[in-house]
Protein backbone atom coordinates (compact mmCIF):
# COMPACT_ATOMS: atom_id res chain seq x y z
CA UNK A 1 -10.43 -25.71 -39.82
CA UNK A 2 -7.73 -23.19 -38.68
CA UNK A 3 -9.81 -22.56 -35.64
CA UNK A 4 -9.45 -26.21 -34.34
CA UNK A 5 -5.93 -26.36 -35.74
CA UNK A 6 -4.95 -23.61 -32.93
CA UNK A 7 -6.51 -25.64 -30.49
CA UNK A 8 -4.37 -28.98 -30.98
CA UNK A 9 -1.63 -26.61 -31.14
CA UNK A 10 -2.50 -25.08 -27.79
CA UNK A 11 -3.65 -28.63 -26.10
CA UNK A 12 0.10 -29.74 -27.27
CA UNK A 13 1.62 -26.89 -25.92
CA UNK A 14 -0.27 -27.32 -22.33
CA UNK A 15 0.45 -30.82 -22.29
CA UNK A 16 4.13 -30.14 -22.69
CA UNK A 17 4.42 -27.47 -19.94
CA UNK A 18 2.37 -29.74 -17.52
CA UNK A 19 4.76 -32.82 -18.46
CA UNK A 20 7.89 -30.67 -17.73
CA UNK A 21 9.95 -30.49 -14.65
CA UNK A 22 8.81 -27.49 -13.21
CA UNK A 23 4.89 -29.46 -12.42
CA UNK A 24 6.32 -32.61 -11.28
CA UNK A 25 6.28 -30.93 -7.81
CA UNK A 26 2.33 -31.01 -8.48
CA UNK A 27 2.68 -34.53 -8.55
CA UNK A 28 3.74 -34.86 -4.45
CA UNK A 29 2.22 -32.85 -1.74
CA UNK A 30 5.13 -30.66 -0.76
CA UNK A 31 5.30 -29.21 -3.87
CA UNK A 32 1.27 -28.35 -3.45
CA UNK A 33 2.09 -27.05 -0.33
CA UNK A 34 5.23 -24.69 -2.34
CA UNK A 35 3.18 -23.76 -4.58
CA UNK A 36 0.09 -22.80 -2.37
CA UNK A 37 2.64 -20.87 -0.32
CA UNK A 38 4.34 -18.84 -3.15
CA UNK A 39 0.54 -17.97 -4.26
CA UNK A 40 -1.09 -16.80 -1.16
CA UNK A 41 1.36 -16.05 1.58
CA UNK A 42 1.15 -11.84 1.54
CA UNK A 43 4.19 -10.25 -0.05
CA UNK A 44 5.57 -7.42 2.14
CA UNK A 45 8.23 -5.08 1.32
CA UNK A 46 11.49 -4.00 3.57
CA UNK A 47 11.41 -0.97 4.91
CA UNK A 48 7.95 -0.14 2.97
CA UNK A 49 5.86 2.84 4.32
CA UNK A 50 2.58 4.68 3.54
CA UNK A 51 3.77 7.83 4.19
CA UNK A 52 7.60 7.41 2.09
CA UNK A 53 6.17 10.14 0.00
CA UNK A 54 5.73 12.18 2.98
CA UNK A 55 9.16 11.57 4.24
CA UNK A 56 10.81 12.72 0.86
CA UNK A 57 9.53 15.88 0.55
CA UNK A 58 9.70 16.47 4.12
CA UNK A 59 13.72 16.04 3.28
CA UNK A 60 13.39 18.37 0.20
CA UNK A 61 11.37 21.50 2.14
CA UNK A 62 13.39 20.86 5.52
CA UNK A 63 16.22 23.55 4.24
CA UNK A 64 14.04 25.80 2.59
CA UNK A 65 14.93 29.64 3.43
CA UNK A 66 11.60 31.19 2.48
CA UNK A 67 9.64 29.00 5.24
CA UNK A 68 9.08 31.40 8.15
CA UNK A 69 6.12 30.27 10.23
CA UNK A 70 5.47 29.29 13.70
CA UNK A 71 3.50 26.55 13.80
CA UNK A 72 1.64 24.00 16.69
CA UNK A 73 3.70 21.42 16.95
CA UNK A 74 3.63 17.64 18.69
CA UNK A 75 6.44 15.88 20.54
CA UNK A 76 7.91 13.22 18.66
CA UNK A 77 7.40 11.26 22.03
CA UNK A 78 3.78 11.50 22.36
CA UNK A 79 1.67 8.48 23.46
CA UNK A 80 1.08 5.89 20.77
CA UNK A 81 -2.97 5.94 22.04
CA UNK A 82 -2.34 9.75 20.21
CA UNK A 83 -0.66 9.01 17.04
CA UNK A 84 -3.09 9.39 14.45
CA UNK A 85 -4.34 12.52 16.43
CA UNK A 86 -0.73 13.93 15.83
CA UNK A 87 0.18 13.19 12.26
CA UNK A 88 -3.55 14.84 11.62
CA UNK A 89 -2.21 17.82 13.85
CA UNK A 90 1.01 18.07 11.33
CA UNK A 91 -0.82 17.46 8.47
CA UNK A 92 -3.30 20.32 9.48
CA UNK A 93 -0.02 22.63 9.81
CA UNK A 94 0.88 22.05 6.77
CA UNK A 95 -1.79 23.28 5.21
CA UNK A 96 -0.60 26.30 7.28
CA UNK A 97 2.70 26.18 5.67
CA UNK A 98 1.21 25.97 2.09
CA UNK A 99 -0.86 29.39 2.81
CA UNK A 100 2.27 30.92 3.42
CA UNK A 101 4.22 29.69 0.84
CA UNK A 102 1.21 30.82 -1.90
CA UNK A 103 1.66 34.32 -0.84
CA UNK A 104 5.38 34.68 -0.44
CA UNK A 105 5.71 32.25 -3.71
CA UNK A 106 8.10 30.13 -1.99
CA UNK A 107 10.01 27.99 -4.28
CA UNK A 108 8.75 24.40 -2.32
CA UNK A 109 5.49 25.02 -2.69
CA UNK A 110 4.65 22.26 -4.93
CA UNK A 111 6.33 19.92 -2.33
CA UNK A 112 4.20 21.31 0.43
CA UNK A 113 1.38 20.90 -1.51
CA UNK A 114 2.12 16.97 -1.99
CA UNK A 115 2.73 16.83 2.34
CA UNK A 116 -0.51 18.31 2.60
CA UNK A 117 -2.69 16.19 -0.27
CA UNK A 118 -1.08 12.94 0.63
CA UNK A 119 -1.87 13.07 4.13
CA UNK A 120 -5.00 14.40 3.31
CA UNK A 121 -6.12 11.53 0.83
CA UNK A 122 -4.69 9.05 3.45
CA UNK A 123 -6.88 10.47 6.26
CA UNK A 124 -9.88 10.28 4.05
CA UNK A 125 -9.34 6.61 2.71
CA UNK A 126 -9.08 5.73 6.85
CA UNK A 127 -11.62 7.90 9.55
CA UNK A 128 -10.29 8.49 12.49
CA UNK A 129 -10.09 5.00 14.01
CA UNK A 130 -8.42 5.95 17.05
CA UNK A 131 -10.60 6.61 20.76
CA UNK A 132 -9.35 9.70 21.92
CA UNK A 133 -7.41 9.40 25.15
CA UNK A 134 -7.98 11.72 27.83
CA UNK A 135 -3.82 12.27 27.73
CA UNK A 136 -4.05 13.80 23.70
CA UNK A 137 -4.08 16.83 23.22
CA UNK A 138 -5.50 19.01 20.85
CA UNK A 139 -3.45 20.32 17.95
CA UNK A 140 -3.54 23.90 19.53
CA UNK A 141 -2.18 22.77 22.90
CA UNK A 142 1.22 21.68 21.50
CA UNK A 143 3.54 24.50 21.72
CA UNK A 144 4.56 27.15 18.72
CA UNK A 145 8.02 26.42 17.38
CA UNK A 146 10.15 27.45 14.11
CA UNK A 147 9.71 25.52 11.01
CA UNK A 148 12.91 23.51 11.33
CA UNK A 149 11.83 22.40 14.56
CA UNK A 150 7.90 21.35 13.27
CA UNK A 151 9.86 19.77 10.25
CA UNK A 152 11.96 17.26 12.53
CA UNK A 153 9.79 16.51 14.90
CA UNK A 154 7.06 15.45 11.79
CA UNK A 155 9.89 13.35 10.57
CA UNK A 156 10.48 11.60 13.93
CA UNK A 157 6.70 11.03 13.87
CA UNK A 158 6.64 9.67 10.62
CA UNK A 159 9.50 7.13 11.05
CA UNK A 160 8.22 6.26 14.45
CA UNK A 161 4.65 5.62 12.66
CA UNK A 162 6.22 3.12 9.61
CA UNK A 163 8.18 0.75 12.28
């Protein structure tokens, strides 16, 4: 008896909802188009970047005084065809920073670990898709630069990738 009553109450509420002003739009074609567009147009966040967390961590470590390493540093203006390989190079060098931080017990070891982990996970999900152009260099072919220059170039490359 109660189940039947609940069903009747639910049906009554649905009927009221369908007759409300919100669903009057369904009676004409324009309303259907609006609902369709709202439901199926993919939503994009303004300024969303898959490397946003990495950028935050880079901001945290860039002023670290206890990280003193020389790292292979790709140029921020490297050929677009080489972008993925350049990113991989930066993340590989981040592992060097992490190892150095573990040895020296740096204050920003966790942030460096987060950068490496986020980059590594992203590359694991997306296997190498770019074909290596003859213009692209191997990581070890880039000039070694100090930590500050490395971070500056890394940030520029990420920002370029996020545009």
